C-alpha atoms as a PDB file:
ATOM      1  CA  MET A   1     187.230   6.638  68.871  1.00  0.00           C
ATOM      2  CA  PRO A   2     186.493  10.123  67.524  1.00  0.00           C
ATOM      3  CA  VAL A   3     185.489  12.996  69.763  1.00  0.00           C
ATOM      4  CA  TYR A   4     182.365  14.905  68.703  1.00  0.00           C
ATOM      5  CA  VAL A   5     181.335  18.311  69.956  1.00  0.00           C
ATOM      6  CA  VAL A   6     177.782  18.033  71.312  1.00  0.00           C
ATOM      7  CA  GLU A   7     175.614  21.158  71.469  1.00  0.00           C
ATOM      8  CA  PHE A   8     172.620  21.305  73.810  1.00  0.00           C
ATOM      9  CA  GLU A   9     170.580  23.766  75.840  1.00  0.00           C
ATOM     10  CA  THR A  10     169.669  23.511  79.518  1.00  0.00           C
ATOM     11  CA  HIS A  11     168.299  25.889  82.144  1.00  0.00           C
ATOM     12  CA  LEU A  12     171.849  27.261  82.295  1.00  0.00           C
ATOM     13  CA  GLY A  13     171.744  28.233  78.615  1.00  0.00           C
ATOM     14  CA  PRO A  14     173.387  26.853  75.460  1.00  0.00           C
ATOM     15  CA  GLU A  15     176.516  24.768  75.940  1.00  0.00           C
ATOM     16  CA  ARG A  16     179.027  22.752  73.936  1.00  0.00           C
ATOM     17  CA  ARG A  17     180.894  19.750  75.302  1.00  0.00           C
ATOM     18  CA  PRO A  18     183.158  17.094  73.765  1.00  0.00           C
ATOM     19  CA  PHE A  19     182.053  13.457  73.983  1.00  0.00           C
ATOM     20  CA  THR A  20     183.678  10.308  72.649  1.00  0.00           C
ATOM     21  CA  ILE A  21     181.297   8.612  70.205  1.00  0.00           C
ATOM     22  CA  ASP A  22     181.908   5.157  68.732  1.00  0.00           C
ATOM     23  CA  ASP A  23     181.392   5.345  64.959  1.00  0.00           C
ATOM     24  CA  ASP A  24     180.326   1.689  64.788  1.00  0.00           C
ATOM     25  CA  ARG A  25     177.663   1.657  67.531  1.00  0.00           C
ATOM     26  CA  PRO A  26     174.082   2.962  67.196  1.00  0.00           C
ATOM     27  CA  LEU A  27     173.683   6.533  68.419  1.00  0.00           C
ATOM     28  CA  GLN A  28     170.646   5.756  70.572  1.00  0.00           C
ATOM     29  CA  GLY A  29     172.489   4.046  73.435  1.00  0.00           C
ATOM     30  CA  GLN A  30     175.456   6.407  73.269  1.00  0.00           C
ATOM     31  CA  LEU A  31     173.316   9.527  73.479  1.00  0.00           C
ATOM     32  CA  GLY A  32     171.576   7.965  76.465  1.00  0.00           C
ATOM     33  CA  GLN A  33     174.991   7.824  78.142  1.00  0.00           C
ATOM     34  CA  VAL A  34     175.538  11.467  77.188  1.00  0.00           C
ATOM     35  CA  LEU A  35     172.275  12.337  78.968  1.00  0.00           C
ATOM     36  CA  ASP A  36     173.464  10.390  82.029  1.00  0.00           C
ATOM     37  CA  GLU A  37     176.720  12.346  82.151  1.00  0.00           C
ATOM     38  CA  LEU A  38     174.894  15.632  81.762  1.00  0.00           C
ATOM     39  CA  GLY A  39     172.522  14.640  84.548  1.00  0.00           C
ATOM     40  CA  GLN A  40     175.471  13.904  86.838  1.00  0.00           C
ATOM     41  CA  SER A  41     176.632  17.487  86.353  1.00  0.00           C
ATOM     42  CA  GLY A  42     173.138  18.857  87.093  1.00  0.00           C
ATOM     43  CA  ARG A  43     172.186  19.612  83.477  1.00  0.00           C
ATOM     44  CA  VAL A  44     168.835  18.560  82.036  1.00  0.00           C
ATOM     45  CA  LEU A  45     167.875  19.429  78.470  1.00  0.00           C
ATOM     46  CA  GLU A  46     165.128  22.018  78.114  1.00  0.00           C
ATOM     47  CA  GLY A  47     161.780  20.433  77.241  1.00  0.00           C
ATOM     48  CA  GLY A  48     158.280  19.687  78.407  1.00  0.00           C
ATOM     49  CA  PRO A  49     156.597  16.559  79.825  1.00  0.00           C
ATOM     50  CA  GLY A  50     156.461  13.755  77.285  1.00  0.00           C
ATOM     51  CA  ASP A  51     159.084  15.338  75.035  1.00  0.00           C
ATOM     52  CA  VAL A  52     161.626  13.080  73.384  1.00  0.00           C
ATOM     53  CA  LEU A  53     165.253  13.543  72.497  1.00  0.00           C
ATOM     54  CA  GLY A  54     166.154  14.361  68.924  1.00  0.00           C
ATOM     55  CA  ALA A  55     169.561  14.852  67.341  1.00  0.00           C
ATOM     56  CA  SER A  56     170.712  16.579  64.197  1.00  0.00           C
ATOM     57  CA  TRP A  57     173.993  17.025  62.317  1.00  0.00           C
ATOM     58  CA  ASN A  58     174.629  19.653  59.684  1.00  0.00           C
ATOM     59  CA  GLY A  59     170.945  20.610  59.879  1.00  0.00           C
ATOM     60  CA  ASN A  60     169.664  17.076  59.207  1.00  0.00           C
ATOM     61  CA  ASP A  61     167.659  15.021  61.711  1.00  0.00           C
ATOM     62  CA  LEU A  62     169.349  11.732  62.542  1.00  0.00           C
ATOM     63  CA  GLU A  63     168.121   8.166  62.850  1.00  0.00           C
ATOM     64  CA  LEU A  64     169.447   7.251  66.245  1.00  0.00           C
ATOM     65  CA  ALA A  65     169.092   3.535  65.583  1.00  0.00           C
ATOM     66  CA  ARG A  66     171.984   3.854  63.126  1.00  0.00           C
ATOM     67  CA  SER A  67     175.682   4.481  63.727  1.00  0.00           C
ATOM     68  CA  CYS A  68     177.735   7.537  62.800  1.00  0.00           C
ATOM     69  CA  ALA A  69     179.461   5.546  60.086  1.00  0.00           C
ATOM     70  CA  GLN A  70     176.128   4.518  58.568  1.00  0.00           C
ATOM     71  CA  LEU A  71     174.888   8.109  58.689  1.00  0.00           C
ATOM     72  CA  GLY A  72     178.107   9.514  57.227  1.00  0.00           C
ATOM     73  CA  LEU A  73     178.846  11.755  60.229  1.00  0.00           C
ATOM     74  CA  THR A  74     182.259  13.267  60.935  1.00  0.00           C
ATOM     75  CA  PRO A  75     183.601  15.130  63.979  1.00  0.00           C
ATOM     76  CA  GLU A  76     184.145  18.280  61.925  1.00  0.00           C
ATOM     77  CA  ARG A  77     180.555  19.354  62.616  1.00  0.00           C
ATOM     78  CA  PRO A  78     178.795  19.225  66.009  1.00  0.00           C
ATOM     79  CA  LEU A  79     175.944  16.958  67.040  1.00  0.00           C
ATOM     80  CA  VAL A  80     172.973  19.034  68.196  1.00  0.00           C
ATOM     81  CA  LEU A  81     170.689  17.586  70.879  1.00  0.00           C
ATOM     82  CA  ARG A  82     167.250  19.016  71.577  1.00  0.00           C
ATOM     83  CA  MET A  83     163.974  18.040  73.185  1.00  0.00           C
ATOM     84  CA  ARG A  84     160.895  18.084  70.990  1.00  0.00           C
ATOM     85  CA  ALA A  85     157.246  17.134  71.242  1.00  0.00           C
ATOM     86  CA  ARG A  86     156.458  13.529  70.455  1.00  0.00           C
ATOM     87  CA  LEU A  87     154.818  13.212  67.066  1.00  0.00           C
ATOM     88  CA  ALA A  88     154.895   9.523  66.357  1.00  0.00           C
ATOM     89  CA  PRO A  89     157.273   6.745  67.397  1.00  0.00           C
ATOM     90  CA  THR A  90     160.156   6.721  64.934  1.00  0.00           C
ATOM     91  CA  SER A  91     163.628   5.232  64.908  1.00  0.00           C
ATOM     92  CA  ASN A  92     165.294   8.637  65.294  1.00  0.00           C
ATOM     93  CA  GLU A  93     163.854   9.344  68.736  1.00  0.00           C
ATOM     94  CA  VAL A  94     165.001   8.394  72.185  1.00  0.00           C
ATOM     95  CA  ALA A  95     162.060   8.427  74.543  1.00  0.00           C
ATOM     96  CA  VAL A  96     162.674  10.257  77.781  1.00  0.00           C
ATOM     97  CA  ALA A  97     159.599   8.749  79.359  1.00  0.00           C
ATOM     98  CA  PRO A  98     159.622   7.577  82.982  1.00  0.00           C
ATOM     99  CA  ARG A  99     161.634   4.395  83.286  1.00  0.00           C
ATOM    100  CA  GLY A 100     162.499   2.031  86.080  1.00  0.00           C
ATOM    101  CA  VAL A 101     165.722   1.957  88.018  1.00  0.00           C
ATOM    102  CA  ASP A 102     168.505  -0.133  86.490  1.00  0.00           C
ATOM    103  CA  TRP A 103     169.461  -1.964  89.665  1.00  0.00           C
ATOM    104  CA  THR A 104     172.640  -3.378  88.163  1.00  0.00           C
ATOM    105  CA  ARG A 105     174.099   0.148  88.148  1.00  0.00           C
ATOM    106  CA  VAL A 106     173.157   0.465  91.830  1.00  0.00           C
ATOM    107  CA  VAL A 107     174.201  -2.980  93.088  1.00  0.00           C
ATOM    108  CA  LEU A 108     177.321  -3.715  91.028  1.00  0.00           C
ATOM    109  CA  PRO A 109     179.473  -1.005  92.706  1.00  0.00           C
ATOM    110  CA  SER A 110     178.910  -2.733  96.055  1.00  0.00           C
ATOM    111  CA  VAL A 111     179.852  -6.107  94.571  1.00  0.00           C
ATOM    112  CA  GLU A 112     182.961  -4.609  92.993  1.00  0.00           C
ATOM    113  CA  GLY A 113     183.943  -2.905  96.241  1.00  0.00           C
ATOM    114  CA  ALA A 114     183.551  -6.191  98.103  1.00  0.00           C
ATOM    115  CA  LEU A 115     185.697  -8.017  95.520  1.00  0.00           C
ATOM    116  CA  GLY A 116     188.375  -5.339  95.779  1.00  0.00           C
ATOM    117  CA  ALA A 117     188.321  -5.753  99.555  1.00  0.00           C
ATOM    118  CA  VAL A 118     188.780  -9.525  99.183  1.00  0.00           C
ATOM    119  CA  VAL A 119     191.866  -8.880  97.035  1.00  0.00           C
ATOM    120  CA  ALA A 120     193.168  -6.531  99.739  1.00  0.00           C
ATOM    121  CA  TRP A 121     192.548  -9.213 102.363  1.00  0.00           C
ATOM    122  CA  PHE A 122     194.583 -11.785 100.437  1.00  0.00           C
ATOM    123  CA  LEU A 123     197.403  -9.293  99.983  1.00  0.00           C
ATOM    124  CA  THR A 124     197.258  -8.395 103.682  1.00  0.00           C
ATOM    125  CA  TRP A 125     197.350 -12.071 104.602  1.00  0.00           C
ATOM    126  CA  GLY A 126     200.524 -12.336 102.539  1.00  0.00           C
ATOM    127  CA  LEU A 127     202.211  -9.600 104.582  1.00  0.00           C
ATOM    128  CA  ALA A 128     203.174 -12.272 107.075  1.00  0.00           C
ATOM    129  CA  ASP A 129     205.559 -13.640 104.457  1.00  0.00           C
ATOM    130  CA  ILE A 130     207.194 -10.273 103.748  1.00  0.00           C
ATOM    131  CA  ARG A 131     207.394  -9.107 107.348  1.00  0.00           C
ATOM    132  CA  ALA A 132     211.187  -8.766 107.108  1.00  0.00           C
ATOM    133  CA  PRO A 133     211.134  -5.379 105.298  1.00  0.00           C
ATOM    134  CA  LEU A 134     208.260  -4.213 107.522  1.00  0.00           C
ATOM    135  CA  GLN A 135     210.063  -3.872 110.829  1.00  0.00           C
ATOM    136  CA  THR A 136     207.390  -2.188 112.966  1.00  0.00           C
ATOM    137  CA  VAL A 137     203.694  -2.558 113.654  1.00  0.00           C
ATOM    138  CA  ASP A 138     203.129   0.961 112.313  1.00  0.00           C
ATOM    139  CA  GLN A 139     204.734   0.030 108.989  1.00  0.00           C
ATOM    140  CA  VAL A 140     202.436  -2.972 108.675  1.00  0.00           C
ATOM    141  CA  ASP A 141     199.403  -0.877 109.635  1.00  0.00           C
ATOM    142  CA  VAL A 142     200.013   1.872 107.096  1.00  0.00           C
ATOM    143  CA  THR A 143     200.650  -0.756 104.401  1.00  0.00           C
ATOM    144  CA  VAL A 144     197.360  -2.517 105.187  1.00  0.00           C
ATOM    145  CA  THR A 145     195.483   0.792 105.267  1.00  0.00           C
ATOM    146  CA  ILE A 146     196.793   1.833 101.851  1.00  0.00           C
ATOM    147  CA  LEU A 147     196.193  -1.626 100.333  1.00  0.00           C
ATOM    148  CA  LEU A 148     192.592  -1.641 101.526  1.00  0.00           C
ATOM    149  CA  ALA A 149     191.891   1.855 100.186  1.00  0.00           C
ATOM    150  CA  VAL A 150     193.554   1.238  96.827  1.00  0.00           C
ATOM    151  CA  CYS A 151     192.034  -2.181  96.127  1.00  0.00           C
ATOM    152  CA  ILE A 152     188.481  -1.040  96.899  1.00  0.00           C
ATOM    153  CA  VAL A 153     188.783   2.156  94.868  1.00  0.00           C
ATOM    154  CA  VAL A 154     190.438   0.507  91.851  1.00  0.00           C
ATOM    155  CA  ALA A 155     187.769  -2.220  91.673  1.00  0.00           C
ATOM    156  CA  VAL A 156     184.861   0.233  91.945  1.00  0.00           C
ATOM    157  CA  ALA A 157     186.455   2.784  89.599  1.00  0.00           C
ATOM    158  CA  ILE A 158     187.094   0.221  86.856  1.00  0.00           C
ATOM    159  CA  GLY A 159     183.495  -0.985  87.013  1.00  0.00           C
ATOM    160  CA  ALA A 160     182.101   2.557  87.021  1.00  0.00           C
ATOM    161  CA  ALA A 161     184.225   3.544  84.023  1.00  0.00           C
ATOM    162  CA  ARG A 162     183.222   0.426  82.058  1.00  0.00           C
ATOM    163  CA  ARG A 163     179.518   1.192  82.606  1.00  0.00           C
ATOM    164  CA  SER A 164     180.063   4.893  81.811  1.00  0.00           C
ATOM    165  CA  ALA A 165     178.873   5.768  85.318  1.00  0.00           C
ATOM    166  CA  MET A 166     182.111   7.721  85.731  1.00  0.00           C
ATOM    167  CA  ARG A 167     184.376   9.298  83.155  1.00  0.00           C
ATOM    168  CA  SER A 168     187.626   7.396  82.670  1.00  0.00           C
ATOM    169  CA  SER A 169     189.665  10.483  83.595  1.00  0.00           C
ATOM    170  CA  ARG A 170     187.775  10.835  86.871  1.00  0.00           C
ATOM    171  CA  ALA A 171     188.138   7.116  87.601  1.00  0.00           C
ATOM    172  CA  VAL A 172     191.912   7.382  87.115  1.00  0.00           C
ATOM    173  CA  LEU A 173     192.048  10.473  89.342  1.00  0.00           C
ATOM    174  CA  TRP A 174     190.100   8.655  92.063  1.00  0.00           C
ATOM    175  CA  CYS A 175     192.532   5.730  91.895  1.00  0.00           C
ATOM    176  CA  LEU A 176     195.481   8.110  92.237  1.00  0.00           C
ATOM    177  CA  ILE A 177     193.878   9.788  95.252  1.00  0.00           C
ATOM    178  CA  SER A 178     193.159   6.502  97.060  1.00  0.00           C
ATOM    179  CA  PRO A 179     196.675   5.869  98.487  1.00  0.00           C
ATOM    180  CA  LEU A 180     196.728   9.458  99.744  1.00  0.00           C
ATOM    181  CA  ALA A 181     193.405   8.799 101.486  1.00  0.00           C
ATOM    182  CA  GLY A 182     194.895   5.699 103.083  1.00  0.00           C
ATOM    183  CA  MET A 183     197.961   7.567 104.300  1.00  0.00           C
ATOM    184  CA  ALA A 184     195.836  10.468 105.583  1.00  0.00           C
ATOM    185  CA  THR A 185     193.696   7.990 107.513  1.00  0.00           C
ATOM    186  CA  PHE A 186     196.748   6.422 109.095  1.00  0.00           C
ATOM    187  CA  GLY A 187     198.274   9.789 109.949  1.00  0.00           C
ATOM    188  CA  ALA A 188     195.107  11.058 111.610  1.00  0.00           C
ATOM    189  CA  LEU A 189     194.634   7.863 113.578  1.00  0.00           C
ATOM    190  CA  MET A 190     198.135   7.975 115.016  1.00  0.00           C
ATOM    191  CA  LEU A 191     196.635  10.538 117.404  1.00  0.00           C
ATOM    192  CA  VAL A 192     194.302   7.864 118.790  1.00  0.00           C
ATOM    193  CA  ASP A 193     195.925   5.627 121.385  1.00  0.00           C
ATOM    194  CA  GLY A 194     196.148   2.096 120.087  1.00  0.00           C
ATOM    195  CA  ALA A 195     195.014   2.971 116.548  1.00  0.00           C
ATOM    196  CA  PRO A 196     195.044   2.302 113.662  1.00  0.00           C
ATOM    197  CA  ASP A 197     195.777  -1.415 114.170  1.00  0.00           C
ATOM    198  CA  GLY A 198     192.676  -1.433 116.377  1.00  0.00           C
ATOM    199  CA  ALA A 199     193.650  -4.651 118.190  1.00  0.00           C
ATOM    200  CA  ARG A 200     193.308  -3.142 121.665  1.00  0.00           C
ATOM    201  CA  ILE A 201     190.853  -0.259 121.765  1.00  0.00           C
ATOM    202  CA  LEU A 202     187.405  -0.367 120.160  1.00  0.00           C
ATOM    203  CA  GLY A 203     187.350   3.398 119.731  1.00  0.00           C
ATOM    204  CA  GLY A 204     190.572   3.283 117.745  1.00  0.00           C
ATOM    205  CA  ARG A 205     189.183   0.487 115.604  1.00  0.00           C
ATOM    206  CA  ILE A 206     186.005   2.359 114.799  1.00  0.00           C
ATOM    207  CA  ALA A 207     187.945   5.528 114.026  1.00  0.00           C
ATOM    208  CA  ALA A 208     190.267   3.578 111.708  1.00  0.00           C
ATOM    209  CA  TRP A 209     187.547   1.889 109.657  1.00  0.00           C
ATOM    210  CA  VAL A 210     185.302   4.940 109.531  1.00  0.00           C
ATOM    211  CA  GLY A 211     188.246   7.090 108.458  1.00  0.00           C
ATOM    212  CA  ILE A 212     189.189   4.779 105.587  1.00  0.00           C
ATOM    213  CA  GLY A 213     185.587   4.513 104.378  1.00  0.00           C
ATOM    214  CA  VAL A 214     184.841   8.232 104.430  1.00  0.00           C
ATOM    215  CA  LEU A 215     188.135   9.429 102.969  1.00  0.00           C
ATOM    216  CA  VAL A 216     187.990   7.112  99.960  1.00  0.00           C
ATOM    217  CA  THR A 217     184.294   7.805  99.339  1.00  0.00           C
ATOM    218  CA  VAL A 218     184.272  11.604  99.410  1.00  0.00           C
ATOM    219  CA  PRO A 219     186.389  12.244  96.270  1.00  0.00           C
ATOM    220  CA  ALA A 220     184.204  10.041  94.050  1.00  0.00           C
ATOM    221  CA  THR A 221     180.936  11.467  95.356  1.00  0.00           C
ATOM    222  CA  ALA A 222     182.166  15.025  94.917  1.00  0.00           C
ATOM    223  CA  MET A 223     183.094  14.271  91.293  1.00  0.00           C
ATOM    224  CA  LEU A 224     179.845  12.453  90.477  1.00  0.00           C
ATOM    225  CA  SER A 225     177.290  14.760  92.029  1.00  0.00           C
ATOM    226  CA  ALA A 226     176.183  18.251  91.036  1.00  0.00           C
ATOM    227  CA  ARG A 227     174.793  18.866  94.532  1.00  0.00           C
ATOM    228  CA  ALA A 228     178.089  17.996  96.142  1.00  0.00           C
ATOM    229  CA  VAL A 229     177.442  19.196  99.702  1.00  0.00           C
ATOM    230  CA  ALA A 230     174.270  17.178 100.316  1.00  0.00           C
ATOM    231  CA  SER A 231     175.511  14.154  98.392  1.00  0.00           C
ATOM    232  CA  VAL A 232     178.908  14.089 100.062  1.00  0.00           C
ATOM    233  CA  ALA A 233     177.241  14.337 103.474  1.00  0.00           C
ATOM    234  CA  SER A 234     174.876  11.424 102.796  1.00  0.00           C
ATOM    235  CA  ALA A 235     177.637   9.331 101.175  1.00  0.00           C
ATOM    236  CA  SER A 236     179.909   9.998 104.143  1.00  0.00           C
ATOM    237  CA  LEU A 237     177.219   8.768 106.532  1.00  0.00           C
ATOM    238  CA  VAL A 238     176.793   5.537 104.549  1.00  0.00           C
ATOM    239  CA  ALA A 239     180.554   4.967 104.392  1.00  0.00           C
ATOM    240  CA  ALA A 240     180.903   5.780 108.081  1.00  0.00           C
ATOM    241  CA  ALA A 241     178.148   3.295 108.952  1.00  0.00           C
ATOM    242  CA  ALA A 242     179.873   0.608 106.883  1.00  0.00           C
ATOM    243  CA  GLY A 243     183.184   1.402 108.592  1.00  0.00           C
ATOM    244  CA  ALA A 244     181.646   1.247 112.063  1.00  0.00           C
ATOM    245  CA  MET A 245     179.983  -2.091 111.241  1.00  0.00           C
ATOM    246  CA  ALA A 246     183.310  -3.422 109.965  1.00  0.00           C
ATOM    247  CA  ALA A 247     185.012  -2.333 113.189  1.00  0.00           C
ATOM    248  CA  LEU A 248     182.378  -4.097 115.288  1.00  0.00           C
ATOM    249  CA  ILE A 249     182.797  -7.264 113.233  1.00  0.00           C
ATOM    250  CA  MET A 250     186.541  -7.129 113.878  1.00  0.00           C
ATOM    251  CA  SER A 251     185.807  -6.891 117.610  1.00  0.00           C
ATOM    252  CA  LEU A 252     183.767 -10.100 117.718  1.00  0.00           C
ATOM    253  CA  PRO A 253     185.327 -13.175 119.302  1.00  0.00           C
ATOM    254  CA  GLY A 254     186.298 -15.828 116.800  1.00  0.00           C
ATOM    255  CA  PRO A 255     188.793 -16.594 114.029  1.00  0.00           C
ATOM    256  CA  SER A 256     190.578 -13.291 113.449  1.00  0.00           C
ATOM    257  CA  LEU A 257     191.393 -13.909 109.758  1.00  0.00           C
ATOM    258  CA  LEU A 258     187.793 -14.732 108.846  1.00  0.00           C
ATOM    259  CA  LEU A 259     186.448 -11.779 110.817  1.00  0.00           C
ATOM    260  CA  GLN A 260     188.973  -9.509 109.124  1.00  0.00           C
ATOM    261  CA  ALA A 261     187.868 -10.805 105.708  1.00  0.00           C
ATOM    262  CA  LEU A 262     184.200 -10.179 106.557  1.00  0.00           C
ATOM    263  CA  ALA A 263     185.043  -6.683 107.842  1.00  0.00           C
ATOM    264  CA  PHE A 264     186.936  -5.912 104.618  1.00  0.00           C
ATOM    265  CA  ILE A 265     183.954  -7.076 102.540  1.00  0.00           C
ATOM    266  CA  VAL A 266     181.480  -4.969 104.525  1.00  0.00           C
ATOM    267  CA  LEU A 267     183.638  -1.872 104.117  1.00  0.00           C
ATOM    268  CA  GLY A 268     184.208  -2.492 100.388  1.00  0.00           C
ATOM    269  CA  ALA A 269     180.503  -2.991  99.720  1.00  0.00           C
ATOM    270  CA  GLY A 270     179.629   0.113 101.728  1.00  0.00           C
ATOM    271  CA  VAL A 271     182.160   2.292  99.908  1.00  0.00           C
ATOM    272  CA  GLY A 272     180.998   1.004  96.509  1.00  0.00           C
ATOM    273  CA  PHE A 273     177.390   1.841  97.271  1.00  0.00           C
ATOM    274  CA  ALA A 274     178.111   5.191  98.923  1.00  0.00           C
ATOM    275  CA  ALA A 275     180.529   6.430  96.259  1.00  0.00           C
ATOM    276  CA  VAL A 276     178.868   5.184  93.037  1.00  0.00           C
ATOM    277  CA  GLY A 277     175.761   3.071  93.657  1.00  0.00           C
ATOM    278  CA  ALA A 278     173.808   5.714  95.578  1.00  0.00           C
ATOM    279  CA  PRO A 279     174.534   8.562  93.094  1.00  0.00           C
ATOM    280  CA  MET A 280     173.422   6.278  90.222  1.00  0.00           C
ATOM    281  CA  TRP A 281     170.221   5.456  92.096  1.00  0.00           C
ATOM    282  CA  ARG A 282     169.471   9.121  92.794  1.00  0.00           C
ATOM    283  CA  LEU A 283     170.156  10.046  89.177  1.00  0.00           C
ATOM    284  CA  GLN A 284     167.818   7.373  87.803  1.00  0.00           C
ATOM    285  CA  VAL A 285     165.071   8.235  90.283  1.00  0.00           C
ATOM    286  CA  ALA A 286     165.355  11.924  89.309  1.00  0.00           C
ATOM    287  CA  ARG A 287     165.044  11.041  85.617  1.00  0.00           C
ATOM    288  CA  SER A 288     162.155   8.575  86.065  1.00  0.00           C
END
């Protein structure tokens, strides 16, 4: 798909950014995604209450219900976005009126995180069959920690990229960071007696699950949010709460495999919401 230069003006002044635009899809939905990405970086187009989004190319106003191919646009000239007063409803306007929260963008990351955790659980269950190359408990523990981090992050990142909640490059970067987060968690928890396998000491268990949740959540939240400090702090609290709940579930008496599966699911859902679901909810509330 071609890359168009998009010109716009915010409170930070005029800017130009490249965006991938599908020539065969109507501009209206795609420019809405552009606005979402700009909002994630703390940029809101200059305009007044009730203004609508307009776009032009080569000095001509565009019908946003049509595609670039239908309008005869090419990437050689930039697309210019601007807010303007509403005159009358026409097909070349995208209303920026208050709108409700799209709950699928808030809930789906949790579902995806839970599914990724289920995959990790099945893979972990299979470790019993490949125990030969894993000679020590520590080797098994670090393998499980990395599997859990990677599976949750990959599932959530793929979903976020498909819904344009996260740029594909950032989703790939997050996936690459996830095994490092798992290894860092394991390394830090080696200082806690009995951790990170968490089979003997509740404190070690809680530290293990909280560490995994927070360390895989922070990179995504920092990339998605313009107000990184506040957002990372709140996301870390959510991930930590999910990790602590998972640790408590693992400490309950009962079938260990089923409790481990439930703990994985709780952590995956918590990471998905903290890392992607919550930022999407805050963004939509801010724009509504």
